[in-house]
Protein backbone atom coordinates (compact mmCIF):
# COMPACT_ATOMS: atom_id res chain seq x y z
CA MET A 1 -16.57 11.10 25.99
CA LYS A 2 -17.92 7.82 24.84
CA VAL A 3 -16.70 8.43 21.26
CA GLY A 4 -13.29 9.30 22.60
CA THR A 5 -13.00 6.16 24.73
CA LEU A 6 -14.09 4.08 21.75
CA ALA A 7 -11.53 5.74 19.54
CA LEU A 8 -8.68 5.13 22.08
CA SER A 9 -9.83 1.48 22.52
CA THR A 10 -9.77 1.02 18.71
CA LEU A 11 -6.30 2.48 18.46
CA GLU A 12 -4.97 0.22 21.23
CA SER A 13 -6.51 -2.85 19.51
CA PHE A 14 -4.30 -2.07 16.36
CA LEU A 15 -1.22 -2.62 18.40
CA HIS A 16 -2.28 -6.17 18.96
CA ASN A 17 -3.42 -6.86 15.39
CA ARG A 18 -1.04 -9.26 13.73
CA ILE A 19 -1.89 -8.15 10.11
CA VAL A 20 -1.20 -4.54 10.96
CA VAL A 21 2.13 -5.44 12.66
CA LEU A 22 3.08 -7.60 9.65
CA VAL A 23 2.36 -4.76 7.25
CA LEU A 24 4.44 -2.27 9.27
CA ILE A 25 7.33 -4.81 9.37
CA LEU A 26 7.17 -5.28 5.64
CA GLY A 27 7.25 -1.43 5.19
CA MET A 28 10.26 -1.11 7.45
CA CYS A 29 12.07 -3.91 5.48
CA VAL A 30 11.45 -2.05 2.20
CA VAL A 31 12.80 1.15 3.71
CA LEU A 32 15.97 -0.68 4.90
CA LEU A 33 16.53 -2.20 1.45
CA MET A 34 16.17 1.31 -0.16
CA MET A 35 18.99 2.60 2.08
CA ILE A 36 21.47 0.62 0.03
CA PRO A 37 21.23 2.69 -3.27
CA LEU A 38 20.94 5.88 -1.14
CA TRP A 39 24.13 5.02 0.66
CA GLY A 40 25.73 4.46 -2.80
CA ALA A 41 24.51 7.98 -3.86
CA LYS A 42 25.91 9.52 -0.81
CA VAL A 43 29.30 8.06 -1.39
CA ALA A 44 29.39 8.90 -5.10
CA THR A 45 28.19 12.55 -4.77
CA ASN A 46 30.52 15.24 -5.42
CA SER A 47 30.34 18.82 -6.64
CA ALA A 48 30.22 17.83 -10.32
CA ASN A 49 27.43 15.32 -10.13
CA HIS A 50 25.43 16.73 -7.27
CA GLN A 51 22.46 17.77 -9.34
CA ALA A 52 22.25 14.39 -11.03
CA MET A 53 22.51 12.57 -7.73
CA GLU A 54 19.70 14.73 -6.32
CA GLY A 55 17.40 13.54 -9.17
CA MET A 56 18.32 9.91 -8.47
CA VAL A 57 17.62 10.25 -4.75
CA LEU A 58 14.30 11.94 -5.39
CA GLU A 59 13.29 9.04 -7.62
CA VAL A 60 14.15 6.45 -5.05
CA VAL A 61 12.55 8.28 -2.16
CA SER A 62 9.36 8.98 -4.28
CA ARG A 63 9.08 5.23 -5.02
CA VAL A 64 9.54 4.27 -1.35
CA MET A 65 6.95 6.88 -0.30
CA SER A 66 4.52 5.67 -3.03
CA PHE A 67 4.82 2.17 -1.71
CA MET A 68 4.39 3.20 1.93
CA SER A 69 1.47 5.50 0.95
CA ALA A 70 -0.31 2.63 -0.85
CA LEU A 71 0.26 0.43 2.24
CA GLY A 72 -1.32 3.24 4.30
CA SER A 73 -4.45 3.08 2.06
CA ILE A 74 -4.72 -0.67 2.63
CA LEU A 75 -4.13 -0.25 6.35
CA ALA A 76 -6.84 2.49 6.60
CA ALA A 77 -9.44 0.32 4.72
CA TRP A 78 -8.59 -2.96 6.42
CA GLY A 79 -8.42 -1.23 9.88
CA ALA A 80 -11.92 0.34 9.49
CA ALA A 81 -13.51 -2.89 8.19
CA ASP A 82 -11.95 -5.16 10.69
CA ALA A 83 -12.62 -2.84 13.72
CA VAL A 84 -16.35 -3.10 13.11
CA HIS A 85 -16.42 -6.72 11.95
CA THR A 86 -14.50 -7.97 14.95
CA GLU A 87 -16.98 -6.36 17.31
CA LEU A 88 -19.85 -7.78 15.43
CA LYS A 89 -18.31 -11.28 15.15
CA SER A 90 -17.41 -11.53 18.86
CA GLY A 91 -20.73 -10.04 19.97
CA THR A 92 -19.05 -7.40 22.14
CA VAL A 93 -20.84 -4.71 20.19
CA LEU A 94 -24.04 -5.71 22.15
CA ALA A 95 -22.17 -5.13 25.41
CA VAL A 96 -20.89 -1.67 24.19
CA MET A 97 -24.42 -0.66 23.15
CA ALA A 98 -25.71 -1.55 26.65
CA ARG A 99 -23.65 1.15 28.32
CA PRO A 100 -25.57 2.83 26.45
CA VAL A 101 -23.90 3.98 23.22
CA LYS A 102 -25.72 5.02 20.24
CA ARG A 103 -24.91 3.27 16.95
CA TRP A 104 -23.62 6.41 15.31
CA GLU A 105 -21.29 6.94 18.33
CA PHE A 106 -20.03 3.48 18.11
CA LEU A 107 -19.20 3.81 14.36
CA LEU A 108 -17.79 7.30 14.79
CA GLY A 109 -15.53 6.18 17.66
CA LYS A 110 -14.24 3.26 15.53
CA TYR A 111 -13.67 5.62 12.61
CA LEU A 112 -11.76 8.14 14.75
CA GLY A 113 -9.68 5.33 16.20
CA VAL A 114 -8.60 4.25 12.68
CA MET A 115 -7.71 7.88 11.82
CA LEU A 116 -5.64 8.20 15.05
CA PHE A 117 -3.69 5.12 14.09
CA MET A 118 -3.28 6.49 10.51
CA PHE A 119 -2.06 9.80 11.90
CA CYS A 120 0.66 7.86 13.70
CA TYR A 121 1.34 5.99 10.44
CA VAL A 122 1.73 9.30 8.48
CA LEU A 123 4.10 10.68 11.08
CA LEU A 124 6.16 7.57 10.79
CA MET A 125 6.05 7.81 6.88
CA LEU A 126 6.99 11.50 6.98
CA GLY A 127 9.84 10.69 9.34
CA MET A 128 11.20 7.95 7.08
CA SER A 129 11.04 10.25 4.04
CA TYR A 130 13.11 12.91 5.91
CA PHE A 131 15.46 10.20 7.18
CA LEU A 132 16.04 8.74 3.81
CA VAL A 133 16.71 12.09 2.18
CA THR A 134 18.97 13.29 5.03
CA PHE A 135 20.75 9.89 4.97
CA ALA A 136 21.65 10.55 1.32
CA GLY A 137 22.98 14.08 2.17
CA MET A 138 20.18 15.93 0.44
CA LYS A 139 17.17 18.11 1.62
CA VAL A 140 13.37 18.05 1.35
CA HIS A 141 11.88 21.43 0.50
CA ALA A 142 8.23 20.47 0.43
CA ALA A 143 5.99 21.97 3.20
CA VAL A 144 5.45 19.54 6.09
CA TRP A 145 1.79 20.33 6.46
CA ILE A 146 1.20 19.11 2.83
CA LEU A 147 2.94 15.78 3.58
CA LEU A 148 0.69 15.41 6.64
CA ILE A 149 -2.65 16.54 5.54
CA TYR A 150 -3.02 15.12 2.01
CA PRO A 151 -2.42 11.43 3.04
CA MET A 152 -4.63 11.87 6.12
CA ILE A 153 -7.57 12.95 4.01
CA ARG A 154 -6.98 10.26 1.44
CA TYR A 155 -6.93 7.63 4.14
CA ALA A 156 -10.14 9.13 5.55
CA ILE A 157 -11.82 8.48 2.25
CA TYR A 158 -10.46 4.74 2.13
CA ALA A 159 -11.66 4.30 5.77
CA GLY A 160 -15.06 5.76 4.90
CA MET A 161 -15.58 3.48 1.94
CA ALA A 162 -14.54 0.49 4.08
CA LEU A 163 -17.03 1.42 6.76
CA VAL A 164 -19.88 1.61 4.26
CA LEU A 165 -19.06 -1.69 2.67
CA THR A 166 -18.43 -3.53 5.95
CA THR A 167 -22.01 -3.06 7.06
CA PHE A 168 -23.01 -5.43 4.24
CA VAL A 169 -20.05 -7.79 3.56
CA HIS A 170 -17.06 -9.48 5.16
CA PRO A 171 -13.77 -7.47 5.42
CA THR A 172 -12.11 -9.77 2.84
CA VAL A 173 -14.73 -8.94 0.34
CA VAL A 174 -14.45 -5.22 1.28
CA MET A 175 -10.81 -5.21 0.35
CA GLY A 176 -11.61 -6.89 -2.96
CA LEU A 177 -14.27 -4.23 -3.78
CA LEU A 178 -11.88 -1.47 -2.88
CA LEU A 179 -9.29 -2.90 -5.14
CA VAL A 180 -11.81 -2.90 -8.02
CA THR A 181 -12.76 0.71 -7.03
CA TRP A 182 -9.11 1.73 -7.13
CA LEU A 183 -8.63 0.10 -10.50
CA LEU A 184 -11.65 1.96 -11.92
CA THR A 185 -10.50 5.23 -10.43
CA GLU A 186 -7.07 4.86 -11.98
CA SER A 187 -8.34 3.88 -15.40
CA SER A 188 -11.03 6.55 -15.63
CA GLY A 189 -8.80 9.44 -14.53
CA PRO A 190 -7.09 11.87 -16.84
CA GLU A 191 -3.83 9.86 -16.72
CA GLY A 192 -5.59 6.49 -17.24
CA PHE A 193 -5.39 4.41 -20.45
CA GLU A 194 -7.50 5.32 -23.40
CA TRP A 195 -11.00 3.87 -23.63
CA THR A 196 -12.70 2.96 -26.94
CA PRO A 197 -14.96 5.75 -28.17
CA LYS A 198 -18.07 3.76 -27.46
CA LEU A 199 -17.23 3.59 -23.74
CA GLN A 200 -16.21 7.18 -23.29
CA TRP A 201 -19.49 7.93 -21.64
CA LEU A 202 -18.84 5.21 -19.04
CA LYS A 203 -15.35 6.57 -18.46
CA THR A 204 -16.60 9.99 -17.91
CA GLY A 205 -19.37 8.75 -15.52
CA LEU A 206 -16.78 6.75 -13.49
CA TYR A 207 -14.47 9.76 -13.32
CA TYR A 208 -17.18 11.89 -11.67
CA PHE A 209 -18.65 9.11 -9.53
CA MET A 210 -15.45 7.49 -8.21
CA PRO A 211 -13.59 9.31 -5.40
CA SER A 212 -10.68 11.10 -7.11
CA THR A 213 -7.94 10.19 -4.66
CA ASN A 214 -5.28 11.19 -7.13
CA LEU A 215 -6.03 14.81 -6.24
CA LEU A 216 -4.77 13.92 -2.80
CA THR A 217 -1.48 12.28 -3.67
CA GLU A 218 1.31 14.00 -1.60
CA GLY A 219 4.03 12.45 -3.70
CA ARG A 220 3.81 15.21 -6.26
CA PHE A 221 4.91 17.67 -3.56
CA LEU A 222 7.85 15.74 -2.32
CA SER A 223 10.88 17.42 -3.86
CA LEU A 224 14.58 17.87 -3.17
CA ARG A 225 15.01 21.17 -4.98
CA GLN A 226 12.85 24.21 -4.32
CA ALA A 227 12.87 25.21 -7.93
CA SER A 228 11.28 21.83 -9.02
CA ILE A 229 8.37 21.98 -6.52
CA LYS A 230 5.05 22.19 -8.40
CA GLN A 231 3.61 25.58 -7.61
CA VAL A 232 0.09 25.14 -6.19
CA GLY A 233 -1.87 28.10 -4.90
CA TRP A 234 -4.01 28.29 -1.79
CA ALA A 235 -7.19 28.13 -3.89
CA GLN A 236 -6.19 24.82 -5.38
CA HIS A 237 -5.14 23.33 -2.06
CA ALA A 238 -8.58 24.38 -0.60
CA ILE A 239 -10.52 22.77 -3.44
CA SER A 240 -8.61 19.53 -3.41
CA LEU A 241 -8.69 19.16 0.45
CA GLY A 242 -12.32 20.45 0.52
CA TYR A 243 -13.27 17.76 -1.98
CA GLY A 244 -11.51 15.07 0.05
CA LEU A 245 -13.18 16.13 3.33
CA ASP A 246 -16.57 16.31 1.69
CA CYS A 247 -16.19 12.91 0.14
CA ALA A 248 -14.95 11.30 3.50
CA LEU A 249 -17.92 13.03 5.40
CA ILE A 250 -20.48 11.72 2.90
CA LEU A 251 -19.05 8.21 3.20
CA VAL A 252 -19.19 8.31 6.96
CA LEU A 253 -22.71 9.44 7.01
CA LEU A 254 -23.68 6.68 4.66
CA ALA A 255 -21.94 4.21 6.90
CA MET A 256 -23.93 5.58 9.89
CA TRP A 257 -27.19 5.33 8.04
CA SER A 258 -26.42 1.79 6.93
CA PHE A 259 -25.21 0.64 10.32
CA HIS A 260 -28.41 2.00 11.87
CA TYR A 261 -30.47 -0.56 10.18
CA ARG A 262 -27.95 -3.43 10.38
CA SER A 263 -28.66 -6.44 12.66
CA LEU A 264 -26.02 -6.54 15.47
CA ARG A 265 -26.46 -10.37 16.03
CA GLN A 266 -24.59 -12.85 13.98
CA ASP A 267 -26.77 -15.28 12.06
C-alpha cells in the first residue's frame, strides 16, 4: 500500500513538471509537422503507386516513432533521477520516512511511479503511430503487444540506470553519464562503427557490459505490409524480453543497495 501510494504520488508530480510538459509539447509539434508529408502521400496515392507510397509512409512513421522513442528514454531517465533528487533536495524524504516507510519501499514507489508515467507515454506513442498511418490511408500489421512491451522494458532499463546514478550525483550529471553510456552502447554494438584492431578487446568488453537496449527497439517491428514484418519467434522474444527484465531488475536492486547507505540530509 505504501509503495502504491508513493507511485501514484510520483505519477501525479509529473503532471506538474515543466520539463516533462515541455518535452511532450515538443513531441506533439513534431508529430503535427510530420502530418504534412503524410497528407501529401495520401492525396498522391493511387492504385499504380500504392506500394511505393506505403514504403514512403513507413519511412516517415518510423522516423517519427524513433524520435518519440528516444524522447521516452530521456523522460524515463530524467523522471527517475528528478523524482528522487527533488525529495532529497526539499527534505520531504525525511517526512516520508517518518510514516514509516523503508528506504527500498520509497525507491520502489518512485520507480513504479516513473513506469506508470512511461506506460501512459507508450500508449500515447502507440496511438500516434496508428493515427499517422491511418491518416495516410495505410495500415499497421505489427502486433500491438510488441509495440507496448518492448519500449516499456527499454524505459525500465534507463530508469533503473538513472536511479543508480542519482544516489551519487545530480540529475544533470546523470543525464550526461547516460548520454555517454548510450554512445558507448551504440558504438560497441554489431551495427556500430569499426574499431581499430588494438581496441577490439575494449569494444567486445563494452558490448557485453553495456545494456543492449538495441535488442528492445520496437521500431524494427513497425511495418505497413505483413510480408515485410521481420519474423521473430517466441524463443527470440523471450530471450530479448527476459534479458531486458533481468537488466532492469539488477539496476533497481543496485539502486536500492546504494540508496540504503546514502545520507538523506543535504550537506
